[in-house]
Amino acid sequence: MKKTILLLLTLLLAFVASACSNSPEANFEVAGVSVSYGKPIELAKEEFETIFAEYEGLEITETATLSRTDEATNIVVQITYTSDNGDGVYGFEFAKDVYGNWEILQQGEDVTIDNLVK
């Protein structure tokens, strides 16, 4: 019995350790579907830098993601930033089109994980 519990705990620990990564290309398991949030994050950062190009001292301090669907075909990327012009949060909601490409559905200061989860 102790060996079985130890084996289960070891497998659980190995699973948790393999899921932990700070890389934006990290795979994330959602309802048995392996998805990569890397591309939406990359697209969000590119668009963000274009929108805020005139801001001095712009720095992204945090990037958070949330899948709005079990299949991860609808993802929110929230960017927290600091700048000489002020600090804030800006978000993007992405959806996959029929060809598997990510497109922006909406964006703005009110497109945040907190606002979209409610």
PDB file of N, CA and C in Angstrom:
ATOM      1  N   MET A   1       0.832  -1.198   0.000  1.00  0.00           N
ATOM      2  CA  MET A   1       0.000   0.000   0.000  1.00  0.00           C
ATOM      3  C   MET A   1       0.874   1.257   0.000  1.00  0.00           C
ATOM      4  N   LYS A   2       1.918   1.250   0.829  1.00  0.00           N
ATOM      5  CA  LYS A   2       2.800   2.413   0.892  1.00  0.00           C
ATOM      6  C   LYS A   2       3.509   2.630  -0.441  1.00  0.00           C
ATOM      7  N   LYS A   3       3.898   1.527  -1.096  1.00  0.00           N
ATOM      8  CA  LYS A   3       4.572   1.643  -2.386  1.00  0.00           C
ATOM      9  C   LYS A   3       3.643   2.230  -3.447  1.00  0.00           C
ATOM     10  N   THR A   4       2.385   1.851  -3.393  1.00  0.00           N
ATOM     11  CA  THR A   4       1.407   2.374  -4.354  1.00  0.00           C
ATOM     12  C   THR A   4       1.212   3.876  -4.156  1.00  0.00           C
ATOM     13  N   ILE A   5       1.075   4.292  -2.934  1.00  0.00           N
ATOM     14  CA  ILE A   5       0.907   5.724  -2.629  1.00  0.00           C
ATOM     15  C   ILE A   5       2.155   6.493  -3.026  1.00  0.00           C
ATOM     16  N   LEU A   6       3.322   5.939  -2.717  1.00  0.00           N
ATOM     17  CA  LEU A   6       4.574   6.590  -3.079  1.00  0.00           C
ATOM     18  C   LEU A   6       4.695   6.715  -4.602  1.00  0.00           C
ATOM     19  N   LEU A   7       4.317   5.675  -5.320  1.00  0.00           N
ATOM     20  CA  LEU A   7       4.357   5.708  -6.778  1.00  0.00           C
ATOM     21  C   LEU A   7       3.409   6.769  -7.331  1.00  0.00           C
ATOM     22  N   LEU A   8       2.200   6.837  -6.793  1.00  0.00           N
ATOM     23  CA  LEU A   8       1.228   7.845  -7.241  1.00  0.00           C
ATOM     24  C   LEU A   8       1.724   9.254  -6.956  1.00  0.00           C
ATOM     25  N   LEU A   9       2.292   9.467  -5.786  1.00  0.00           N
ATOM     26  CA  LEU A   9       2.832  10.792  -5.445  1.00  0.00           C
ATOM     27  C   LEU A   9       4.004  11.158  -6.351  1.00  0.00           C
ATOM     28  N   THR A  10       4.853  10.189  -6.656  1.00  0.00           N
ATOM     29  CA  THR A  10       5.983  10.432  -7.545  1.00  0.00           C
ATOM     30  C   THR A  10       5.505  10.801  -8.941  1.00  0.00           C
ATOM     31  N   LEU A  11       4.515  10.082  -9.446  1.00  0.00           N
ATOM     32  CA  LEU A  11       3.955  10.397 -10.762  1.00  0.00           C
ATOM     33  C   LEU A  11       3.300  11.775 -10.778  1.00  0.00           C
ATOM     34  N   LEU A  12       2.587  12.098  -9.723  1.00  0.00           N
ATOM     35  CA  LEU A  12       1.954  13.416  -9.624  1.00  0.00           C
ATOM     36  C   LEU A  12       3.005  14.518  -9.599  1.00  0.00           C
ATOM     37  N   LEU A  13       4.055  14.329  -8.827  1.00  0.00           N
ATOM     38  CA  LEU A  13       5.127  15.319  -8.749  1.00  0.00           C
ATOM     39  C   LEU A  13       5.811  15.480 -10.098  1.00  0.00           C
ATOM     40  N   ALA A  14       6.062  14.375 -10.798  1.00  0.00           N
ATOM     41  CA  ALA A  14       6.681  14.441 -12.122  1.00  0.00           C
ATOM     42  C   ALA A  14       5.780  15.180 -13.104  1.00  0.00           C
ATOM     43  N   PHE A  15       4.478  14.943 -13.023  1.00  0.00           N
ATOM     44  CA  PHE A  15       3.534  15.633 -13.899  1.00  0.00           C
ATOM     45  C   PHE A  15       3.518  17.133 -13.632  1.00  0.00           C
ATOM     46  N   VAL A  16       3.466  17.513 -12.362  1.00  0.00           N
ATOM     47  CA  VAL A  16       3.448  18.933 -11.987  1.00  0.00           C
ATOM     48  C   VAL A  16       4.741  19.604 -12.411  1.00  0.00           C
ATOM     49  N   ALA A  17       5.879  18.947 -12.191  1.00  0.00           N
ATOM     50  CA  ALA A  17       7.166  19.528 -12.563  1.00  0.00           C
ATOM     51  C   ALA A  17       7.279  19.722 -14.067  1.00  0.00           C
ATOM     52  N   SER A  18       6.752  18.793 -14.833  1.00  0.00           N
ATOM     53  CA  SER A  18       6.830  18.923 -16.290  1.00  0.00           C
ATOM     54  C   SER A  18       5.900  20.016 -16.810  1.00  0.00           C
ATOM     55  N   ALA A  19       4.857  20.330 -16.081  1.00  0.00           N
ATOM     56  CA  ALA A  19       3.916  21.365 -16.511  1.00  0.00           C
ATOM     57  C   ALA A  19       4.392  22.761 -16.150  1.00  0.00           C
ATOM     58  N   CYS A  20       5.340  22.874 -15.229  1.00  0.00           N
ATOM     59  CA  CYS A  20       5.823  24.177 -14.773  1.00  0.00           C
ATOM     60  C   CYS A  20       6.923  24.673 -15.692  1.00  0.00           C
ATOM     61  N   SER A  21       6.714  25.879 -16.247  1.00  0.00           N
ATOM     62  CA  SER A  21       7.731  26.493 -17.082  1.00  0.00           C
ATOM     63  C   SER A  21       7.403  27.961 -17.240  1.00  0.00           C
ATOM     64  N   ASN A  22       8.414  28.811 -17.282  1.00  0.00           N
ATOM     65  CA  ASN A  22       8.204  30.241 -17.495  1.00  0.00           C
ATOM     66  C   ASN A  22       8.263  30.600 -18.968  1.00  0.00           C
ATOM     67  N   SER A  23       8.532  29.628 -19.821  1.00  0.00           N
ATOM     68  CA  SER A  23       8.641  29.870 -21.249  1.00  0.00           C
ATOM     69  C   SER A  23       7.266  30.127 -21.855  1.00  0.00           C
ATOM     70  N   PRO A  24       7.136  31.166 -22.723  1.00  0.00           N
ATOM     71  CA  PRO A  24       5.845  31.395 -23.367  1.00  0.00           C
ATOM     72  C   PRO A  24       5.479  30.273 -24.334  1.00  0.00           C
ATOM     73  N   GLU A  25       6.447  29.464 -24.731  1.00  0.00           N
ATOM     74  CA  GLU A  25       6.171  28.359 -25.636  1.00  0.00           C
ATOM     75  C   GLU A  25       5.766  27.096 -24.891  1.00  0.00           C
ATOM     76  N   ALA A  26       5.617  27.209 -23.562  1.00  0.00           N
ATOM     77  CA  ALA A  26       5.295  26.034 -22.753  1.00  0.00           C
ATOM     78  C   ALA A  26       3.939  25.468 -23.150  1.00  0.00           C
ATOM     79  N   ASN A  27       3.854  24.164 -23.168  1.00  0.00           N
ATOM     80  CA  ASN A  27       2.573  23.527 -23.449  1.00  0.00           C
ATOM     81  C   ASN A  27       1.755  23.485 -22.180  1.00  0.00           C
ATOM     82  N   PHE A  28       0.455  23.576 -22.317  1.00  0.00           N
ATOM     83  CA  PHE A  28      -0.460  23.609 -21.186  1.00  0.00           C
ATOM     84  C   PHE A  28      -1.549  22.602 -21.461  1.00  0.00           C
ATOM     85  N   GLU A  29      -1.871  21.795 -20.489  1.00  0.00           N
ATOM     86  CA  GLU A  29      -2.865  20.741 -20.668  1.00  0.00           C
ATOM     87  C   GLU A  29      -4.238  21.263 -20.251  1.00  0.00           C
ATOM     88  N   VAL A  30      -5.190  21.258 -21.158  1.00  0.00           N
ATOM     89  CA  VAL A  30      -6.552  21.699 -20.882  1.00  0.00           C
ATOM     90  C   VAL A  30      -7.497  20.606 -21.341  1.00  0.00           C
ATOM     91  N   ALA A  31      -8.161  19.968 -20.400  1.00  0.00           N
ATOM     92  CA  ALA A  31      -9.151  18.932 -20.717  1.00  0.00           C
ATOM     93  C   ALA A  31      -8.604  17.912 -21.724  1.00  0.00           C
ATOM     94  N   GLY A  32      -7.342  17.525 -21.526  1.00  0.00           N
ATOM     95  CA  GLY A  32      -6.753  16.512 -22.389  1.00  0.00           C
ATOM     96  C   GLY A  32      -6.286  17.027 -23.732  1.00  0.00           C
ATOM     97  N   VAL A  33      -6.353  18.335 -23.967  1.00  0.00           N
ATOM     98  CA  VAL A  33      -5.924  18.913 -25.234  1.00  0.00           C
ATOM     99  C   VAL A  33      -4.646  19.700 -24.993  1.00  0.00           C
ATOM    100  N   SER A  34      -3.575  19.344 -25.678  1.00  0.00           N
ATOM    101  CA  SER A  34      -2.309  20.042 -25.530  1.00  0.00           C
ATOM    102  C   SER A  34      -2.316  21.259 -26.451  1.00  0.00           C
ATOM    103  N   VAL A  35      -2.108  22.433 -25.885  1.00  0.00           N
ATOM    104  CA  VAL A  35      -2.114  23.662 -26.672  1.00  0.00           C
ATOM    105  C   VAL A  35      -0.887  24.484 -26.342  1.00  0.00           C
ATOM    106  N   SER A  36      -0.493  25.308 -27.255  1.00  0.00           N
ATOM    107  CA  SER A  36       0.620  26.215 -27.026  1.00  0.00           C
ATOM    108  C   SER A  36       0.082  27.638 -27.017  1.00  0.00           C
ATOM    109  N   TYR A  37       0.353  28.351 -25.927  1.00  0.00           N
ATOM    110  CA  TYR A  37      -0.068  29.753 -25.834  1.00  0.00           C
ATOM    111  C   TYR A  37       0.995  30.672 -26.415  1.00  0.00           C
ATOM    112  N   GLY A  38       2.086  30.101 -26.893  1.00  0.00           N
ATOM    113  CA  GLY A  38       3.198  30.912 -27.380  1.00  0.00           C
ATOM    114  C   GLY A  38       2.821  31.853 -28.503  1.00  0.00           C
ATOM    115  N   LYS A  39       2.106  31.377 -29.502  1.00  0.00           N
ATOM    116  CA  LYS A  39       1.768  32.210 -30.655  1.00  0.00           C
ATOM    117  C   LYS A  39       0.853  33.374 -30.272  1.00  0.00           C
ATOM    118  N   PRO A  40      -0.241  33.163 -29.520  1.00  0.00           N
ATOM    119  CA  PRO A  40      -1.059  34.313 -29.115  1.00  0.00           C
ATOM    120  C   PRO A  40      -0.280  35.329 -28.272  1.00  0.00           C
ATOM    121  N   ILE A  41       0.619  34.845 -27.408  1.00  0.00           N
ATOM    122  CA  ILE A  41       1.426  35.767 -26.605  1.00  0.00           C
ATOM    123  C   ILE A  41       2.336  36.590 -27.505  1.00  0.00           C
ATOM    124  N   GLU A  42       2.974  35.926 -28.453  1.00  0.00           N
ATOM    125  CA  GLU A  42       3.862  36.613 -29.396  1.00  0.00           C
ATOM    126  C   GLU A  42       3.099  37.665 -30.199  1.00  0.00           C
ATOM    127  N   LEU A  43       1.926  37.301 -30.721  1.00  0.00           N
ATOM    128  CA  LEU A  43       1.110  38.237 -31.488  1.00  0.00           C
ATOM    129  C   LEU A  43       0.647  39.411 -30.632  1.00  0.00           C
ATOM    130  N   ALA A  44       0.268  39.125 -29.388  1.00  0.00           N
ATOM    131  CA  ALA A  44      -0.183  40.188 -28.479  1.00  0.00           C
ATOM    132  C   ALA A  44       0.946  41.171 -28.194  1.00  0.00           C
ATOM    133  N   LYS A  45       2.151  40.674 -27.952  1.00  0.00           N
ATOM    134  CA  LYS A  45       3.288  41.558 -27.670  1.00  0.00           C
ATOM    135  C   LYS A  45       3.617  42.429 -28.880  1.00  0.00           C
ATOM    136  N   GLU A  46       3.578  41.850 -30.073  1.00  0.00           N
ATOM    137  CA  GLU A  46       3.838  42.630 -31.290  1.00  0.00           C
ATOM    138  C   GLU A  46       2.810  43.749 -31.454  1.00  0.00           C
ATOM    139  N   GLU A  47       1.546  43.410 -31.303  1.00  0.00           N
ATOM    140  CA  GLU A  47       0.478  44.408 -31.445  1.00  0.00           C
ATOM    141  C   GLU A  47       0.563  45.458 -30.343  1.00  0.00           C
ATOM    142  N   PHE A  48       0.860  45.012 -29.122  1.00  0.00           N
ATOM    143  CA  PHE A  48       0.995  45.912 -27.981  1.00  0.00           C
ATOM    144  C   PHE A  48       2.093  46.946 -28.239  1.00  0.00           C
ATOM    145  N   GLU A  49       3.258  46.478 -28.713  1.00  0.00           N
ATOM    146  CA  GLU A  49       4.375  47.394 -28.975  1.00  0.00           C
ATOM    147  C   GLU A  49       4.040  48.390 -30.087  1.00  0.00           C
ATOM    148  N   THR A  50       3.230  47.980 -31.048  1.00  0.00           N
ATOM    149  CA  THR A  50       2.801  48.898 -32.106  1.00  0.00           C
ATOM    150  C   THR A  50       1.860  49.955 -31.544  1.00  0.00           C
ATOM    151  N   ILE A  51       0.902  49.538 -30.735  1.00  0.00           N
ATOM    152  CA  ILE A  51      -0.087  50.463 -30.174  1.00  0.00           C
ATOM    153  C   ILE A  51       0.567  51.475 -29.240  1.00  0.00           C
ATOM    154  N   PHE A  52       1.520  51.024 -28.430  1.00  0.00           N
ATOM    155  CA  PHE A  52       2.147  51.871 -27.421  1.00  0.00           C
ATOM    156  C   PHE A  52       3.536  52.354 -27.843  1.00  0.00           C
ATOM    157  N   ALA A  53       3.797  52.427 -29.132  1.00  0.00           N
ATOM    158  CA  ALA A  53       5.113  52.804 -29.640  1.00  0.00           C
ATOM    159  C   ALA A  53       5.573  54.177 -29.155  1.00  0.00           C
ATOM    160  N   GLU A  54       4.651  55.087 -28.935  1.00  0.00           N
ATOM    161  CA  GLU A  54       5.027  56.447 -28.522  1.00  0.00           C
ATOM    162  C   GLU A  54       5.292  56.570 -27.012  1.00  0.00           C
ATOM    163  N   TYR A  55       5.011  55.552 -26.253  1.00  0.00           N
ATOM    164  CA  TYR A  55       5.239  55.585 -24.813  1.00  0.00           C
ATOM    165  C   TYR A  55       6.728  55.475 -24.517  1.00  0.00           C
ATOM    166  N   GLU A  56       7.228  56.341 -23.647  1.00  0.00           N
ATOM    167  CA  GLU A  56       8.631  56.327 -23.230  1.00  0.00           C
ATOM    168  C   GLU A  56       8.822  55.336 -22.091  1.00  0.00           C
ATOM    169  N   GLY A  57       9.930  54.629 -22.101  1.00  0.00           N
ATOM    170  CA  GLY A  57      10.260  53.712 -21.015  1.00  0.00           C
ATOM    171  C   GLY A  57       9.283  52.557 -20.860  1.00  0.00           C
ATOM    172  N   LEU A  58       8.678  52.139 -21.937  1.00  0.00           N
ATOM    173  CA  LEU A  58       7.676  51.075 -21.888  1.00  0.00           C
ATOM    174  C   LEU A  58       8.331  49.738 -21.553  1.00  0.00           C
ATOM    175  N   GLU A  59       7.763  49.053 -20.572  1.00  0.00           N
ATOM    176  CA  GLU A  59       8.268  47.746 -20.178  1.00  0.00           C
ATOM    177  C   GLU A  59       7.106  46.840 -19.793  1.00  0.00           C
ATOM    178  N   ILE A  60       7.079  45.650 -20.360  1.00  0.00           N
ATOM    179  CA  ILE A  60       6.077  44.654 -19.996  1.00  0.00           C
ATOM    180  C   ILE A  60       6.552  43.982 -18.714  1.00  0.00           C
ATOM    181  N   THR A  61       5.736  44.062 -17.680  1.00  0.00           N
ATOM    182  CA  THR A  61       6.137  43.484 -16.395  1.00  0.00           C
ATOM    183  C   THR A  61       5.532  42.105 -16.164  1.00  0.00           C
ATOM    184  N   GLU A  62       4.420  41.805 -16.839  1.00  0.00           N
ATOM    185  CA  GLU A  62       3.782  40.509 -16.652  1.00  0.00           C
ATOM    186  C   GLU A  62       2.892  40.203 -17.849  1.00  0.00           C
ATOM    187  N   THR A  63       2.846  38.937 -18.207  1.00  0.00           N
ATOM    188  CA  THR A  63       1.940  38.459 -19.242  1.00  0.00           C
ATOM    189  C   THR A  63       1.156  37.297 -18.655  1.00  0.00           C
ATOM    190  N   ALA A  64      -0.167  37.372 -18.724  1.00  0.00           N
ATOM    191  CA  ALA A  64      -1.019  36.298 -18.208  1.00  0.00           C
ATOM    192  C   ALA A  64      -1.926  35.826 -19.330  1.00  0.00           C
ATOM    193  N   THR A  65      -2.261  34.536 -19.309  1.00  0.00           N
ATOM    194  CA  THR A  65      -3.145  33.978 -20.331  1.00  0.00           C
ATOM    195  C   THR A  65      -4.264  33.178 -19.686  1.00  0.00           C
ATOM    196  N   LEU A  66      -5.354  33.085 -20.408  1.00  0.00           N
ATOM    197  CA  LEU A  66      -6.499  32.298 -19.963  1.00  0.00           C
ATOM    198  C   LEU A  66      -7.215  31.772 -21.188  1.00  0.00           C
ATOM    199  N   SER A  67      -7.541  30.499 -21.165  1.00  0.00           N
ATOM    200  CA  SER A  67      -8.340  29.919 -22.239  1.00  0.00           C
ATOM    201  C   SER A  67      -9.810  30.053 -21.856  1.00  0.00           C
ATOM    202  N   ARG A  68     -10.607  30.579 -22.759  1.00  0.00           N
ATOM    203  CA  ARG A  68     -12.033  30.741 -22.495  1.00  0.00           C
ATOM    204  C   ARG A  68     -12.841  29.533 -22.928  1.00  0.00           C
ATOM    205  N   THR A  69     -12.186  28.568 -23.572  1.00  0.00           N
ATOM    206  CA  THR A  69     -12.867  27.355 -24.009  1.00  0.00           C
ATOM    207  C   THR A  69     -12.030  26.144 -23.617  1.00  0.00           C
ATOM    208  N   ASP A  70     -12.661  24.998 -23.454  1.00  0.00           N
ATOM    209  CA  ASP A  70     -11.938  23.771 -23.119  1.00  0.00           C
ATOM    210  C   ASP A  70     -10.961  23.374 -24.225  1.00  0.00           C
ATOM    211  N   GLU A  71     -11.288  23.675 -25.461  1.00  0.00           N
ATOM    212  CA  GLU A  71     -10.435  23.312 -26.583  1.00  0.00           C
ATOM    213  C   GLU A  71      -9.326  24.325 -26.805  1.00  0.00           C
ATOM    214  N   ALA A  72      -9.293  25.391 -26.013  1.00  0.00           N
ATOM    215  CA  ALA A  72      -8.292  26.458 -26.117  1.00  0.00           C
ATOM    216  C   ALA A  72      -8.269  27.085 -27.509  1.00  0.00           C
ATOM    217  N   THR A  73      -9.433  27.304 -28.067  1.00  0.00           N
ATOM    218  CA  THR A  73      -9.542  27.995 -29.352  1.00  0.00           C
ATOM    219  C   THR A  73      -9.850  29.469 -29.152  1.00  0.00           C
ATOM    220  N   ASN A  74     -10.026  29.876 -27.917  1.00  0.00           N
ATOM    221  CA  ASN A  74     -10.325  31.260 -27.581  1.00  0.00           C
ATOM    222  C   ASN A  74      -9.475  31.610 -26.366  1.00  0.00           C
ATOM    223  N   ILE A  75      -8.468  32.470 -26.550  1.00  0.00           N
ATOM    224  CA  ILE A  75      -7.491  32.755 -25.501  1.00  0.00           C
ATOM    225  C   ILE A  75      -7.401  34.249 -25.243  1.00  0.00           C
ATOM    226  N   VAL A  76      -7.316  34.604 -23.967  1.00  0.00           N
ATOM    227  CA  VAL A  76      -7.107  35.984 -23.554  1.00  0.00           C
ATOM    228  C   VAL A  76      -5.647  36.128 -23.130  1.00  0.00           C
ATOM    229  N   VAL A  77      -4.984  37.148 -23.667  1.00  0.00           N
ATOM    230  CA  VAL A  77      -3.619  37.479 -23.261  1.00  0.00           C
ATOM    231  C   VAL A  77      -3.687  38.858 -22.612  1.00  0.00           C
ATOM    232  N   GLN A  78      -3.295  38.913 -21.348  1.00  0.00           N
ATOM    233  CA  GLN A  78      -3.332  40.159 -20.579  1.00  0.00           C
ATOM    234  C   GLN A  78      -1.897  40.613 -20.336  1.00  0.00           C
ATOM    235  N   ILE A  79      -1.600  41.857 -20.695  1.00  0.00           N
ATOM    236  CA  ILE A  79      -0.257  42.415 -20.542  1.00  0.00           C
ATOM    237  C   ILE A  79      -0.305  43.525 -19.498  1.00  0.00           C
ATOM    238  N   THR A  80       0.530  43.395 -18.483  1.00  0.00           N
ATOM    239  CA  THR A  80       0.693  44.435 -17.477  1.00  0.00           C
ATOM    240  C   THR A  80       1.980  45.173 -17.809  1.00  0.00           C
ATOM    241  N   TYR A  81       1.925  46.508 -17.790  1.00  0.00           N
ATOM    242  CA  TYR A  81       3.085  47.277 -18.230  1.00  0.00           C
ATOM    243  C   TYR A  81       3.337  48.480 -17.332  1.00  0.00           C
ATOM    244  N   THR A  82       4.567  48.983 -17.418  1.00  0.00           N
ATOM    245  CA  THR A  82       4.953  50.238 -16.797  1.00  0.00           C
ATOM    246  C   THR A  82       5.568  51.114 -17.889  1.00  0.00           C
ATOM    247  N   SER A  83       5.469  52.421 -17.707  1.00  0.00           N
ATOM    248  CA  SER A  83       6.080  53.358 -18.649  1.00  0.00           C
ATOM    249  C   SER A  83       6.174  54.723 -17.985  1.00  0.00           C
ATOM    250  N   ASP A  84       6.911  55.608 -18.625  1.00  0.00           N
ATOM    251  CA  ASP A  84       6.998  56.984 -18.136  1.00  0.00           C
ATOM    252  C   ASP A  84       5.660  57.696 -18.278  1.00  0.00           C
ATOM    253  N   ASN A  85       4.803  57.214 -19.173  1.00  0.00           N
ATOM    254  CA  ASN A  85       3.481  57.797 -19.399  1.00  0.00           C
ATOM    255  C   ASN A  85       2.427  57.246 -18.442  1.00  0.00           C
ATOM    256  N   GLY A  86       2.794  56.257 -17.649  1.00  0.00           N
ATOM    257  CA  GLY A  86       1.856  55.644 -16.710  1.00  0.00           C
ATOM    258  C   GLY A  86       1.894  54.128 -16.824  1.00  0.00           C
ATOM    259  N   ASP A  87       1.293  53.484 -15.863  1.00  0.00           N
ATOM    260  CA  ASP A  87       1.248  52.032 -15.807  1.00  0.00           C
ATOM    261  C   ASP A  87      -0.164  51.570 -16.138  1.00  0.00           C
ATOM    262  N   GLY A  88      -0.290  50.305 -16.519  1.00  0.00           N
ATOM    263  CA  GLY A  88      -1.623  49.818 -16.820  1.00  0.00           C
ATOM    264  C   GLY A  88      -1.662  48.365 -17.221  1.00  0.00           C
ATOM    265  N   VAL A  89      -2.857  47.968 -17.641  1.00  0.00           N
ATOM    266  CA  VAL A  89      -3.124  46.616 -18.113  1.00  0.00           C
ATOM    267  C   VAL A  89      -3.839  46.747 -19.451  1.00  0.00           C
ATOM    268  N   TYR A  90      -3.424  45.928 -20.411  1.00  0.00           N
ATOM    269  CA  TYR A  90      -4.032  45.935 -21.732  1.00  0.00           C
ATOM    270  C   TYR A  90      -4.193  44.483 -22.157  1.00  0.00           C
ATOM    271  N   GLY A  91      -5.329  44.160 -22.746  1.00  0.00           N
ATOM    272  CA  GLY A  91      -5.577  42.766 -23.090  1.00  0.00           C
ATOM    273  C   GLY A  91      -6.017  42.549 -24.518  1.00  0.00           C
ATOM    274  N   PHE A  92      -5.845  41.310 -24.943  1.00  0.00           N
ATOM    275  CA  PHE A  92      -6.244  40.871 -26.277  1.00  0.00           C
ATOM    276  C   PHE A  92      -7.004  39.562 -26.142  1.00  0.00           C
ATOM    277  N   GLU A  93      -8.076  39.424 -26.881  1.00  0.00           N
ATOM    278  CA  GLU A  93      -8.769  38.153 -26.957  1.00  0.00           C
ATOM    279  C   GLU A  93      -8.571  37.608 -28.363  1.00  0.00           C
ATOM    280  N   PHE A  94      -8.044  36.392 -28.436  1.00  0.00           N
ATOM    281  CA  PHE A  94      -7.758  35.737 -29.709  1.00  0.00           C
ATOM    282  C   PHE A  94      -8.684  34.543 -29.907  1.00  0.00           C
ATOM    283  N   ALA A  95      -8.961  34.241 -31.168  1.00  0.00           N
ATOM    284  CA  ALA A  95      -9.692  33.024 -31.527  1.00  0.00           C
ATOM    285  C   ALA A  95      -9.001  32.411 -32.728  1.00  0.00           C
ATOM    286  N   LYS A  96      -9.067  31.101 -32.816  1.00  0.00           N
ATOM    287  CA  LYS A  96      -8.515  30.400 -33.975  1.00  0.00           C
ATOM    288  C   LYS A  96      -9.554  30.383 -35.084  1.00  0.00           C
ATOM    289  N   ASP A  97      -9.106  30.709 -36.304  1.00  0.00           N
ATOM    290  CA  ASP A  97     -10.021  30.621 -37.435  1.00  0.00           C
ATOM    291  C   ASP A  97     -10.041  29.185 -37.965  1.00  0.00           C
ATOM    292  N   VAL A  98     -10.793  28.950 -39.013  1.00  0.00           N
ATOM    293  CA  VAL A  98     -10.956  27.590 -39.543  1.00  0.00           C
ATOM    294  C   VAL A  98      -9.649  27.010 -40.068  1.00  0.00           C
ATOM    295  N   TYR A  99      -8.652  27.862 -40.335  1.00  0.00           N
ATOM    296  CA  TYR A  99      -7.350  27.401 -40.836  1.00  0.00           C
ATOM    297  C   TYR A  99      -6.320  27.227 -39.722  1.00  0.00           C
ATOM    298  N   GLY A 100      -6.735  27.491 -38.482  1.00  0.00           N
ATOM    299  CA  GLY A 100      -5.816  27.347 -37.349  1.00  0.00           C
ATOM    300  C   GLY A 100      -4.986  28.574 -37.050  1.00  0.00           C
ATOM    301  N   ASN A 101      -5.291  29.697 -37.707  1.00  0.00           N
ATOM    302  CA  ASN A 101      -4.576  30.948 -37.468  1.00  0.00           C
ATOM    303  C   ASN A 101      -5.258  31.728 -36.351  1.00  0.00           C
ATOM    304  N   TRP A 102      -4.462  32.432 -35.574  1.00  0.00           N
ATOM    305  CA  TRP A 102      -5.001  33.243 -34.479  1.00  0.00           C
ATOM    306  C   TRP A 102      -5.389  34.617 -35.006  1.00  0.00           C
ATOM    307  N   GLU A 103      -6.581  35.086 -34.631  1.00  0.00           N
ATOM    308  CA  GLU A 103      -7.030  36.431 -34.993  1.00  0.00           C
ATOM    309  C   GLU A 103      -7.534  37.141 -33.748  1.00  0.00           C
ATOM    310  N   ILE A 104      -7.362  38.464 -33.729  1.00  0.00           N
ATOM    311  CA  ILE A 104      -7.800  39.260 -32.583  1.00  0.00           C
ATOM    312  C   ILE A 104      -9.297  39.508 -32.687  1.00  0.00           C
ATOM    313  N   LEU A 105     -10.033  39.116 -31.636  1.00  0.00           N
ATOM    314  CA  LEU A 105     -11.470  39.385 -31.575  1.00  0.00           C
ATOM    315  C   LEU A 105     -11.739  40.755 -30.978  1.00  0.00           C
ATOM    316  N   GLN A 106     -11.009  41.061 -29.909  1.00  0.00           N
ATOM    317  CA  GLN A 106     -11.150  42.357 -29.248  1.00  0.00           C
ATOM    318  C   GLN A 106      -9.865  42.662 -28.506  1.00  0.00           C
ATOM    319  N   GLN A 107      -9.684  43.944 -28.197  1.00  0.00           N
ATOM    320  CA  GLN A 107      -8.510  44.381 -27.450  1.00  0.00           C
ATOM    321  C   GLN A 107      -8.844  45.670 -26.720  1.00  0.00           C
ATOM    322  N   GLY A 108      -8.077  45.952 -25.685  1.00  0.00           N
ATOM    323  CA  GLY A 108      -8.287  47.194 -24.957  1.00  0.00           C
ATOM    324  C   GLY A 108      -7.984  47.054 -23.481  1.00  0.00           C
ATOM    325  N   GLU A 109      -8.148  48.164 -22.784  1.00  0.00           N
ATOM    326  CA  GLU A 109      -7.881  48.190 -21.345  1.00  0.00           C
ATOM    327  C   GLU A 109      -8.909  47.387 -20.557  1.00  0.00           C
ATOM    328  N   ASP A 110     -10.096  47.211 -21.116  1.00  0.00           N
ATOM    329  CA  ASP A 110     -11.138  46.459 -20.425  1.00  0.00           C
ATOM    330  C   ASP A 110     -11.144  44.974 -20.799  1.00  0.00           C
ATOM    331  N   VAL A 111     -10.257  44.573 -21.702  1.00  0.00           N
ATOM    332  CA  VAL A 111     -10.142  43.157 -22.079  1.00  0.00           C
ATOM    333  C   VAL A 111      -9.116  42.525 -21.138  1.00  0.00           C
ATOM    334  N   THR A 112      -9.584  42.220 -19.934  1.00  0.00           N
ATOM    335  CA  THR A 112      -8.718  41.622 -18.925  1.00  0.00           C
ATOM    336  C   THR A 112      -9.297  40.285 -18.494  1.00  0.00           C
ATOM    337  N   ILE A 113      -8.460  39.489 -17.906  1.00  0.00           N
ATOM    338  CA  ILE A 113      -8.917  38.183 -17.428  1.00  0.00           C
ATOM    339  C   ILE A 113     -10.025  38.349 -16.404  1.00  0.00           C
ATOM    340  N   ASP A 114      -9.870  39.285 -15.470  1.00  0.00           N
ATOM    341  CA  ASP A 114     -10.905  39.508 -14.450  1.00  0.00           C
ATOM    342  C   ASP A 114     -12.240  39.891 -15.082  1.00  0.00           C
ATOM    343  N   ASN A 115     -12.244  40.778 -16.056  1.00  0.00           N
ATOM    344  CA  ASN A 115     -13.475  41.218 -16.687  1.00  0.00           C
ATOM    345  C   ASN A 115     -14.135  40.121 -17.515  1.00  0.00           C
ATOM    346  N   LEU A 116     -13.336  39.278 -18.144  1.00  0.00           N
ATOM    347  CA  LEU A 116     -13.903  38.267 -19.035  1.00  0.00           C
ATOM    348  C   LEU A 116     -14.294  36.991 -18.311  1.00  0.00           C
ATOM    349  N   VAL A 117     -13.805  36.783 -17.095  1.00  0.00           N
ATOM    350  CA  VAL A 117     -14.159  35.594 -16.333  1.00  0.00           C
ATOM    351  C   VAL A 117     -15.506  35.770 -15.663  1.00  0.00           C
ATOM    352  N   LYS A 118     -15.866  36.973 -15.327  1.00  0.00           N
ATOM    353  CA  LYS A 118     -17.115  37.254 -14.603  1.00  0.00           C
ATOM    354  C   LYS A 118     -18.319  36.814 -15.376  1.00  0.00           C
TER     355      LYS A 118
END
